[in-house]
Amino acid sequence: MTSGLGELWHVGIVVDDLDATARELGATLGHSFTSVQEQEVTVVLGDRAADSCVLETTRVRWAATSGESPDWELIQAGSGLWSTERSRGQALHHLAYWSDDLEGDIARLCGQGYELEASGDDVEGRIRFAYLIAPGGIRLELGARHTQQAWDEWVSGRDYGLGIA
C-alpha cells in the first residue's frame, strides 16, 4: 500500500496477550513472528521545542511478522503510550511509514493539522521514530530511515540490532 508518505511499512496493533495472539495468528493465518523484544523505551511526549514536553518511560514488549508486507507489529498492552486508553480503546495503534527526512515530515504533517504525540531517540540521541495523531484521530508512526536495516534484519530472523535510548 502506497500513500503520500510512501509504502506502508507496518501496522501496529495493541493486544492484551502478545504471546497468545502470536500463537493464534500463527495457527489460524499461518503467520510466523520474530523474537519478542522487551525493553524500557523513553519517549518525549509532545513537541520537543515546547516547554510543556514530558518524558515517559514504559516497559514495552513487541514482536512482528516475518515475511509479510506490510509487517504486522504486535505490542503488549501496557501503560502510557502503548495502552489501550491512549489509543482511545482501539486495538489499532498506528500505521507506520519510513521517512528519509523525519523532522521535515513531522513539520509538514503538523502544518496539515496533525499533532505530534511522541518521539523516541536511539542511543546516539537521534530521533528514530515519531507518533503523530491525524485530525480524524488515526495515529501514524514515522520511522527514521537510518533504523530500517535493524528492523529488516529482525523481521528476517536475526537479532534486533538497534540500540534504544
Protein backbone atom coordinates (compact mmCIF):
# COMPACT_ATOMS: atom_id res chain seq x y z
CA MET A 1 0.00 0.00 0.00
CA THR A 2 1.49 3.32 -1.07
CA SER A 3 0.48 6.80 0.08
CA GLY A 4 1.87 10.33 0.03
CA LEU A 5 4.34 9.11 2.66
CA GLY A 6 5.46 6.16 0.54
CA GLU A 7 4.86 2.46 1.04
CA LEU A 8 3.17 1.27 4.25
CA TRP A 9 5.93 -0.21 6.47
CA HIS A 10 3.87 -1.88 9.20
CA VAL A 11 0.62 -1.85 11.13
CA GLY A 12 0.95 -1.65 14.93
CA ILE A 13 -1.71 -3.45 16.95
CA VAL A 14 -2.02 -3.31 20.75
CA VAL A 15 -3.07 -6.70 22.15
CA ASP A 16 -3.93 -7.93 25.64
CA ASP A 17 -1.71 -11.03 25.39
CA LEU A 18 1.18 -10.83 22.93
CA ASP A 19 2.20 -14.49 23.17
CA ALA A 20 -1.34 -15.87 22.82
CA THR A 21 -2.13 -13.53 19.91
CA ALA A 22 1.04 -14.53 18.05
CA ARG A 23 0.23 -18.24 18.58
CA GLU A 24 -3.37 -17.69 17.43
CA LEU A 25 -2.40 -15.74 14.30
CA GLY A 26 0.28 -18.30 13.53
CA ALA A 27 -2.15 -21.21 13.79
CA THR A 28 -5.08 -19.50 12.10
CA LEU A 29 -3.43 -17.39 9.40
CA GLY A 30 -0.04 -19.05 9.05
CA HIS A 31 1.98 -16.04 10.20
CA SER A 32 5.40 -16.52 11.74
CA PHE A 33 6.76 -13.97 14.18
CA THR A 34 10.12 -12.55 15.20
CA SER A 35 11.60 -12.98 18.63
CA VAL A 36 9.82 -10.91 21.27
CA GLN A 37 11.61 -7.69 22.17
CA GLU A 38 11.21 -6.29 25.67
CA GLN A 39 12.83 -3.01 26.63
CA GLU A 40 12.35 0.16 28.61
CA VAL A 41 11.50 2.79 26.00
CA THR A 42 11.61 6.50 26.76
CA VAL A 43 9.64 8.88 24.58
CA VAL A 44 9.24 12.64 24.50
CA LEU A 45 5.54 13.45 24.71
CA GLY A 46 4.57 16.45 22.61
CA ASP A 47 6.71 18.93 20.77
CA ARG A 48 10.37 18.77 21.84
CA ALA A 49 10.69 22.51 21.34
CA ALA A 50 7.78 23.31 23.68
CA ASP A 51 8.30 23.95 27.38
CA SER A 52 5.44 21.54 28.08
CA CYS A 53 7.06 18.36 26.68
CA VAL A 54 7.35 15.46 29.12
CA LEU A 55 9.49 12.29 29.18
CA GLU A 56 7.64 8.99 29.64
CA THR A 57 9.40 5.66 30.19
CA THR A 58 7.48 2.43 29.70
CA ARG A 59 8.43 -1.23 29.56
CA VAL A 60 7.36 -2.39 26.09
CA ARG A 61 7.05 -5.94 24.66
CA TRP A 62 6.59 -6.36 20.92
CA ALA A 63 7.05 -8.77 18.02
CA ALA A 64 6.47 -8.53 14.28
CA THR A 65 5.55 -10.88 11.49
CA SER A 66 8.33 -12.34 9.40
CA GLY A 67 7.99 -12.23 5.64
CA GLU A 68 4.87 -10.06 5.47
CA SER A 69 4.42 -6.86 3.54
CA PRO A 70 3.44 -4.72 5.27
CA ASP A 71 4.66 -6.17 8.56
CA TRP A 72 2.27 -6.57 11.48
CA GLU A 73 3.67 -5.39 14.80
CA LEU A 74 2.01 -6.81 17.91
CA ILE A 75 2.51 -4.71 21.06
CA GLN A 76 1.62 -5.99 24.53
CA ALA A 77 -0.93 -3.61 26.07
CA GLY A 78 0.70 -1.78 28.93
CA SER A 79 0.78 1.67 30.42
CA GLY A 80 1.43 5.02 28.83
CA LEU A 81 1.74 5.44 25.10
CA TRP A 82 1.16 1.74 24.38
CA SER A 83 -2.02 1.38 26.45
CA THR A 84 -5.49 0.93 25.03
CA GLU A 85 -6.54 4.06 26.96
CA ARG A 86 -4.06 6.16 24.99
CA SER A 87 -5.35 4.52 21.80
CA ARG A 88 -8.89 5.57 22.64
CA GLY A 89 -9.76 1.92 23.34
CA GLN A 90 -8.77 0.84 19.83
CA ALA A 91 -6.59 -2.16 19.09
CA LEU A 92 -5.14 -0.45 16.01
CA HIS A 93 -2.30 1.58 17.44
CA HIS A 94 -0.66 3.04 14.34
CA LEU A 95 0.13 2.90 10.64
CA ALA A 96 3.88 3.20 10.07
CA TYR A 97 5.93 4.67 7.24
CA TRP A 98 9.67 5.12 6.75
CA SER A 99 10.89 8.69 6.49
CA ASP A 100 14.02 9.94 4.75
CA ASP A 101 13.50 13.37 6.39
CA LEU A 102 11.89 12.75 9.76
CA GLU A 103 11.99 16.32 11.04
CA GLY A 104 10.76 17.68 7.69
CA ASP A 105 7.91 15.16 7.50
CA ILE A 106 6.90 15.95 11.10
CA ALA A 107 6.82 19.68 10.32
CA ARG A 108 4.82 19.11 7.12
CA LEU A 109 2.22 16.92 8.85
CA CYS A 110 1.91 19.32 11.80
CA GLY A 111 1.30 22.06 9.24
CA GLN A 112 -1.58 19.92 7.91
CA GLY A 113 -3.20 19.71 11.35
CA TYR A 114 -1.53 16.60 12.77
CA GLU A 115 -0.49 16.66 16.43
CA LEU A 116 2.97 15.44 17.38
CA GLU A 117 2.16 12.99 20.16
CA ALA A 118 5.55 11.48 20.99
CA SER A 119 9.01 10.70 19.64
CA GLY A 120 11.85 8.41 20.67
CA ASP A 121 15.60 8.53 20.26
CA ASP A 122 18.28 5.95 19.56
CA VAL A 123 21.34 5.56 21.80
CA GLU A 124 23.16 8.21 19.75
CA GLY A 125 20.47 10.81 20.54
CA ARG A 126 18.96 10.88 17.04
CA ILE A 127 15.18 10.81 16.70
CA ARG A 128 14.36 7.29 15.48
CA PHE A 129 10.55 7.42 15.42
CA ALA A 130 7.64 9.80 15.95
CA TYR A 131 3.92 9.30 16.53
CA LEU A 132 1.54 11.87 15.08
CA ILE A 133 -2.25 12.00 15.52
CA ALA A 134 -4.30 12.89 12.43
CA PRO A 135 -7.11 15.42 12.80
CA GLY A 136 -9.53 12.46 12.50
CA GLY A 137 -7.75 10.51 15.27
CA ILE A 138 -5.63 7.89 13.42
CA ARG A 139 -2.05 7.63 14.72
CA LEU A 140 0.85 7.50 12.25
CA GLU A 141 4.36 6.38 13.09
CA LEU A 142 7.24 7.77 11.08
CA GLY A 143 10.43 5.72 11.37
CA ALA A 144 13.81 7.23 10.59
CA ARG A 145 15.21 5.53 7.50
CA HIS A 146 18.58 5.01 9.25
CA THR A 147 16.87 2.41 11.50
CA GLN A 148 15.37 0.37 8.64
CA GLN A 149 18.28 -2.07 8.35
CA ALA A 150 17.92 -3.13 12.01
CA TRP A 151 14.17 -3.70 11.51
CA ASP A 152 14.68 -5.63 8.26
CA GLU A 153 17.29 -7.88 9.88
CA TRP A 154 14.99 -8.54 12.86
CA VAL A 155 11.94 -9.47 10.75
CA SER A 156 14.13 -11.79 8.67
CA GLY A 157 15.05 -13.79 11.79
CA ARG A 158 18.22 -12.15 13.05
CA ASP A 159 18.72 -10.17 16.27
CA TYR A 160 17.24 -6.69 16.67
CA GLY A 161 20.42 -4.64 16.32
CA LEU A 162 19.06 -1.21 17.20
CA GLY A 163 20.05 0.39 20.47
CA ILE A 164 17.18 2.19 22.15
CA ALA A 165 17.67 5.13 24.43
